[in-house]
Amino acid sequence: MNVTHHTARLAAMPPATLYSLMRLRVDVFVVEQRCAYPELDGRDLEPDALQMWSESDDAVLATLRVLHDGDDRRIGRVATAATARGRGLAAQLMRRAVDECEGRLIRLDAQAHLADWYARFGFVVDGDEFIEDAIPHVPMARAADVTGGGR
């Protein structure tokens, strides 16, 4: 399987790719995790928001987004299609996202059971566990000067 990785702002994405990316996020976060919430939160429309995704044969297999929160960056909406899990695609995207944010504090809200996975990329829990859509989460951060990205 030939997988390619992409980074683009929303306005530069082909409509069919954007649709596939959003569909994947809804499939994972709303349908699979049974969380009725506004997955489309408006932040993808921010002018400096970056979409990152992996695809094969025009199918989006994994995705995440990088947002600007003032001087900090925020990684979120990390999702992999059920049929593509276990191939390291999300890890490849995370490494690319961390590189994209070089020199900046990076924040994310991790589902608690994935905190160790995010730790591979230099993230540490930096607050109390909280419940979002009936799923335990923890806030995590990666300092601007941390080296290594889960390589």
C-alpha atoms as a PDB file:
ATOM      1  CA  MET A   1       0.000   0.000   0.000  1.00  0.00           C
ATOM      2  CA  ASN A   2       1.423   3.353  -1.063  1.00  0.00           C
ATOM      3  CA  VAL A   3       0.645   5.941   1.651  1.00  0.00           C
ATOM      4  CA  THR A   4       1.280   9.649   1.174  1.00  0.00           C
ATOM      5  CA  HIS A   5       1.253  12.339   3.859  1.00  0.00           C
ATOM      6  CA  HIS A   6      -0.109  15.833   3.341  1.00  0.00           C
ATOM      7  CA  THR A   7      -0.364  19.178   5.110  1.00  0.00           C
ATOM      8  CA  ALA A   8      -2.646  22.005   4.001  1.00  0.00           C
ATOM      9  CA  ARG A   9      -4.821  24.804   5.181  1.00  0.00           C
ATOM     10  CA  LEU A  10      -8.531  24.189   4.707  1.00  0.00           C
ATOM     11  CA  ALA A  11      -8.896  26.531   1.721  1.00  0.00           C
ATOM     12  CA  ALA A  12      -6.135  24.697  -0.159  1.00  0.00           C
ATOM     13  CA  MET A  13      -7.611  21.225   0.244  1.00  0.00           C
ATOM     14  CA  PRO A  14      -9.424  19.496  -2.599  1.00  0.00           C
ATOM     15  CA  PRO A  15     -13.140  19.308  -1.670  1.00  0.00           C
ATOM     16  CA  ALA A  16     -13.284  15.509  -1.900  1.00  0.00           C
ATOM     17  CA  THR A  17     -10.271  15.168   0.406  1.00  0.00           C
ATOM     18  CA  LEU A  18     -11.767  17.609   2.895  1.00  0.00           C
ATOM     19  CA  TYR A  19     -15.014  15.647   2.857  1.00  0.00           C
ATOM     20  CA  SER A  20     -13.129  12.360   3.455  1.00  0.00           C
ATOM     21  CA  LEU A  21     -11.124  13.880   6.293  1.00  0.00           C
ATOM     22  CA  MET A  22     -14.218  15.238   8.032  1.00  0.00           C
ATOM     23  CA  ARG A  23     -16.056  11.971   7.449  1.00  0.00           C
ATOM     24  CA  LEU A  24     -13.221  10.061   9.125  1.00  0.00           C
ATOM     25  CA  ARG A  25     -13.379  12.339  12.166  1.00  0.00           C
ATOM     26  CA  VAL A  26     -17.148  11.907  12.453  1.00  0.00           C
ATOM     27  CA  ASP A  27     -16.840   8.127  11.973  1.00  0.00           C
ATOM     28  CA  VAL A  28     -14.295   7.869  14.809  1.00  0.00           C
ATOM     29  CA  PHE A  29     -15.358  10.517  17.307  1.00  0.00           C
ATOM     30  CA  VAL A  30     -19.131  10.583  16.861  1.00  0.00           C
ATOM     31  CA  VAL A  31     -20.148   7.155  15.538  1.00  0.00           C
ATOM     32  CA  GLU A  32     -17.497   4.739  16.855  1.00  0.00           C
ATOM     33  CA  GLN A  33     -17.109   6.439  20.244  1.00  0.00           C
ATOM     34  CA  ARG A  34     -20.845   7.137  20.464  1.00  0.00           C
ATOM     35  CA  CYS A  35     -20.379  10.804  21.356  1.00  0.00           C
ATOM     36  CA  ALA A  36     -23.008  13.151  20.067  1.00  0.00           C
ATOM     37  CA  TYR A  37     -21.100  16.427  20.032  1.00  0.00           C
ATOM     38  CA  PRO A  38     -20.339  19.227  17.535  1.00  0.00           C
ATOM     39  CA  GLU A  39     -17.292  17.664  15.849  1.00  0.00           C
ATOM     40  CA  LEU A  40     -17.263  20.573  13.410  1.00  0.00           C
ATOM     41  CA  ASP A  41     -16.363  23.260  15.941  1.00  0.00           C
ATOM     42  CA  GLY A  42     -15.351  26.098  13.611  1.00  0.00           C
ATOM     43  CA  ARG A  43     -11.643  25.925  14.442  1.00  0.00           C
ATOM     44  CA  ASP A  44     -10.799  24.251  11.128  1.00  0.00           C
ATOM     45  CA  LEU A  45     -11.806  27.548   9.484  1.00  0.00           C
ATOM     46  CA  GLU A  46      -9.169  29.570  11.333  1.00  0.00           C
ATOM     47  CA  PRO A  47      -6.733  30.997   8.756  1.00  0.00           C
ATOM     48  CA  ASP A  48      -3.639  29.383  10.297  1.00  0.00           C
ATOM     49  CA  ALA A  49      -5.186  25.988  11.139  1.00  0.00           C
ATOM     50  CA  LEU A  50      -3.334  23.125   9.469  1.00  0.00           C
ATOM     51  CA  GLN A  51      -4.878  19.839   8.454  1.00  0.00           C
ATOM     52  CA  MET A  52      -2.528  16.880   8.249  1.00  0.00           C
ATOM     53  CA  TRP A  53      -3.530  13.544   6.796  1.00  0.00           C
ATOM     54  CA  SER A  54      -2.327  10.254   5.365  1.00  0.00           C
ATOM     55  CA  GLU A  55      -4.017   8.738   2.361  1.00  0.00           C
ATOM     56  CA  SER A  56      -3.828   5.842  -0.020  1.00  0.00           C
ATOM     57  CA  ASP A  57      -5.782   5.509  -3.257  1.00  0.00           C
ATOM     58  CA  ASP A  58      -7.604   8.785  -2.460  1.00  0.00           C
ATOM     59  CA  ALA A  59      -8.843   7.393   0.873  1.00  0.00           C
ATOM     60  CA  VAL A  60      -7.980   9.363   4.022  1.00  0.00           C
ATOM     61  CA  LEU A  61      -6.584   6.843   6.512  1.00  0.00           C
ATOM     62  CA  ALA A  62      -5.450   9.098   9.381  1.00  0.00           C
ATOM     63  CA  THR A  63      -5.678  12.761  10.264  1.00  0.00           C
ATOM     64  CA  LEU A  64      -4.960  15.436  12.838  1.00  0.00           C
ATOM     65  CA  ARG A  65      -5.024  19.209  12.999  1.00  0.00           C
ATOM     66  CA  VAL A  66      -2.669  21.849  14.366  1.00  0.00           C
ATOM     67  CA  LEU A  67      -4.173  25.053  15.744  1.00  0.00           C
ATOM     68  CA  HIS A  68      -2.638  28.296  16.943  1.00  0.00           C
ATOM     69  CA  ASP A  69      -3.581  29.187  20.526  1.00  0.00           C
ATOM     70  CA  GLY A  70      -1.787  32.510  20.846  1.00  0.00           C
ATOM     71  CA  ASP A  71       1.934  31.710  20.904  1.00  0.00           C
ATOM     72  CA  ASP A  72       1.219  28.054  21.718  1.00  0.00           C
ATOM     73  CA  ARG A  73       0.113  25.329  19.347  1.00  0.00           C
ATOM     74  CA  ARG A  74      -2.638  22.758  19.887  1.00  0.00           C
ATOM     75  CA  ILE A  75      -2.781  19.334  18.258  1.00  0.00           C
ATOM     76  CA  GLY A  76      -6.161  17.699  18.111  1.00  0.00           C
ATOM     77  CA  ARG A  77      -8.643  15.556  16.250  1.00  0.00           C
ATOM     78  CA  VAL A  78      -6.085  12.744  15.932  1.00  0.00           C
ATOM     79  CA  ALA A  79      -7.952   9.896  14.244  1.00  0.00           C
ATOM     80  CA  THR A  80      -7.189   6.761  12.260  1.00  0.00           C
ATOM     81  CA  ALA A  81      -9.682   4.765  10.228  1.00  0.00           C
ATOM     82  CA  ALA A  82     -10.511   1.437  11.887  1.00  0.00           C
ATOM     83  CA  THR A  83      -9.230  -0.426   8.820  1.00  0.00           C
ATOM     84  CA  ALA A  84      -5.854   1.367   8.961  1.00  0.00           C
ATOM     85  CA  ARG A  85      -4.999   1.059  12.656  1.00  0.00           C
ATOM     86  CA  GLY A  86      -1.763  -0.566  13.752  1.00  0.00           C
ATOM     87  CA  ARG A  87       0.274   0.730  10.806  1.00  0.00           C
ATOM     88  CA  GLY A  88       1.855   3.685  12.614  1.00  0.00           C
ATOM     89  CA  LEU A  89       0.066   6.297  10.500  1.00  0.00           C
ATOM     90  CA  ALA A  90      -1.037   8.450  13.440  1.00  0.00           C
ATOM     91  CA  ALA A  91       2.494   8.275  14.875  1.00  0.00           C
ATOM     92  CA  GLN A  92       3.920   9.492  11.567  1.00  0.00           C
ATOM     93  CA  LEU A  93       1.456  12.383  11.563  1.00  0.00           C
ATOM     94  CA  MET A  94       2.269  13.224  15.198  1.00  0.00           C
ATOM     95  CA  ARG A  95       5.993  13.399  14.403  1.00  0.00           C
ATOM     96  CA  ARG A  96       5.242  15.700  11.472  1.00  0.00           C
ATOM     97  CA  ALA A  97       2.957  17.863  13.626  1.00  0.00           C
ATOM     98  CA  VAL A  98       5.573  18.164  16.386  1.00  0.00           C
ATOM     99  CA  ASP A  99       8.148  19.171  13.764  1.00  0.00           C
ATOM    100  CA  GLU A 100       5.690  21.734  12.368  1.00  0.00           C
ATOM    101  CA  CYS A 101       5.366  23.253  15.867  1.00  0.00           C
ATOM    102  CA  GLU A 102       9.107  23.385  16.538  1.00  0.00           C
ATOM    103  CA  GLY A 103      10.056  25.984  19.120  1.00  0.00           C
ATOM    104  CA  ARG A 104       6.505  26.310  20.485  1.00  0.00           C
ATOM    105  CA  LEU A 105       4.739  24.933  23.514  1.00  0.00           C
ATOM    106  CA  ILE A 106       2.274  22.323  22.226  1.00  0.00           C
ATOM    107  CA  ARG A 107      -0.900  21.380  24.076  1.00  0.00           C
ATOM    108  CA  LEU A 108      -3.469  18.659  23.569  1.00  0.00           C
ATOM    109  CA  ASP A 109      -6.315  17.007  25.423  1.00  0.00           C
ATOM    110  CA  ALA A 110      -5.731  13.260  25.300  1.00  0.00           C
ATOM    111  CA  GLN A 111      -8.204  10.531  25.983  1.00  0.00           C
ATOM    112  CA  ALA A 112      -6.767   9.248  29.261  1.00  0.00           C
ATOM    113  CA  HIS A 113      -6.088   5.739  27.972  1.00  0.00           C
ATOM    114  CA  LEU A 114      -3.837   7.254  25.264  1.00  0.00           C
ATOM    115  CA  ALA A 115      -1.644   9.369  27.568  1.00  0.00           C
ATOM    116  CA  ASP A 116       1.257   6.899  27.325  1.00  0.00           C
ATOM    117  CA  TRP A 117       1.020   6.954  23.531  1.00  0.00           C
ATOM    118  CA  TYR A 118       1.303  10.768  23.477  1.00  0.00           C
ATOM    119  CA  ALA A 119       4.188  10.573  25.973  1.00  0.00           C
ATOM    120  CA  ARG A 120       6.206   8.890  23.188  1.00  0.00           C
ATOM    121  CA  PHE A 121       6.249  12.295  21.492  1.00  0.00           C
ATOM    122  CA  GLY A 122       7.404  14.233  24.549  1.00  0.00           C
ATOM    123  CA  PHE A 123       4.002  15.150  26.021  1.00  0.00           C
ATOM    124  CA  VAL A 124       3.421  15.105  29.765  1.00  0.00           C
ATOM    125  CA  VAL A 125       0.183  15.320  31.726  1.00  0.00           C
ATOM    126  CA  ASP A 126      -0.131  18.879  33.014  1.00  0.00           C
ATOM    127  CA  GLY A 127      -3.482  18.983  34.782  1.00  0.00           C
ATOM    128  CA  ASP A 128      -6.288  17.021  36.315  1.00  0.00           C
ATOM    129  CA  GLU A 129      -8.279  14.382  34.485  1.00  0.00           C
ATOM    130  CA  PHE A 130     -11.629  15.613  33.191  1.00  0.00           C
ATOM    131  CA  ILE A 131     -14.619  14.048  31.492  1.00  0.00           C
ATOM    132  CA  GLU A 132     -15.573  15.147  28.002  1.00  0.00           C
ATOM    133  CA  ASP A 133     -18.476  13.419  26.260  1.00  0.00           C
ATOM    134  CA  ALA A 134     -18.372  10.645  28.895  1.00  0.00           C
ATOM    135  CA  ILE A 135     -14.711   9.872  28.080  1.00  0.00           C
ATOM    136  CA  PRO A 136     -11.899  10.555  30.605  1.00  0.00           C
ATOM    137  CA  HIS A 137      -9.320  13.002  29.203  1.00  0.00           C
ATOM    138  CA  VAL A 138      -6.102  14.545  30.495  1.00  0.00           C
ATOM    139  CA  PRO A 139      -4.527  17.833  29.435  1.00  0.00           C
ATOM    140  CA  MET A 140      -1.005  17.315  28.137  1.00  0.00           C
ATOM    141  CA  ALA A 141       1.781  19.630  27.045  1.00  0.00           C
ATOM    142  CA  ARG A 142       5.110  19.399  25.269  1.00  0.00           C
ATOM    143  CA  ALA A 143       7.627  22.080  26.159  1.00  0.00           C
ATOM    144  CA  ALA A 144       9.117  24.148  23.358  1.00  0.00           C
ATOM    145  CA  ASP A 145      12.611  22.879  24.111  1.00  0.00           C
ATOM    146  CA  VAL A 146      11.894  19.122  24.236  1.00  0.00           C
ATOM    147  CA  THR A 147      13.926  17.133  21.738  1.00  0.00           C
ATOM    148  CA  GLY A 148      12.842  13.992  19.982  1.00  0.00           C
ATOM    149  CA  GLY A 149       9.447  13.251  18.555  1.00  0.00           C
ATOM    150  CA  GLY A 150       8.826   9.583  19.175  1.00  0.00           C
ATOM    151  CA  ARG A 151      11.277   8.515  16.549  1.00  0.00           C
END
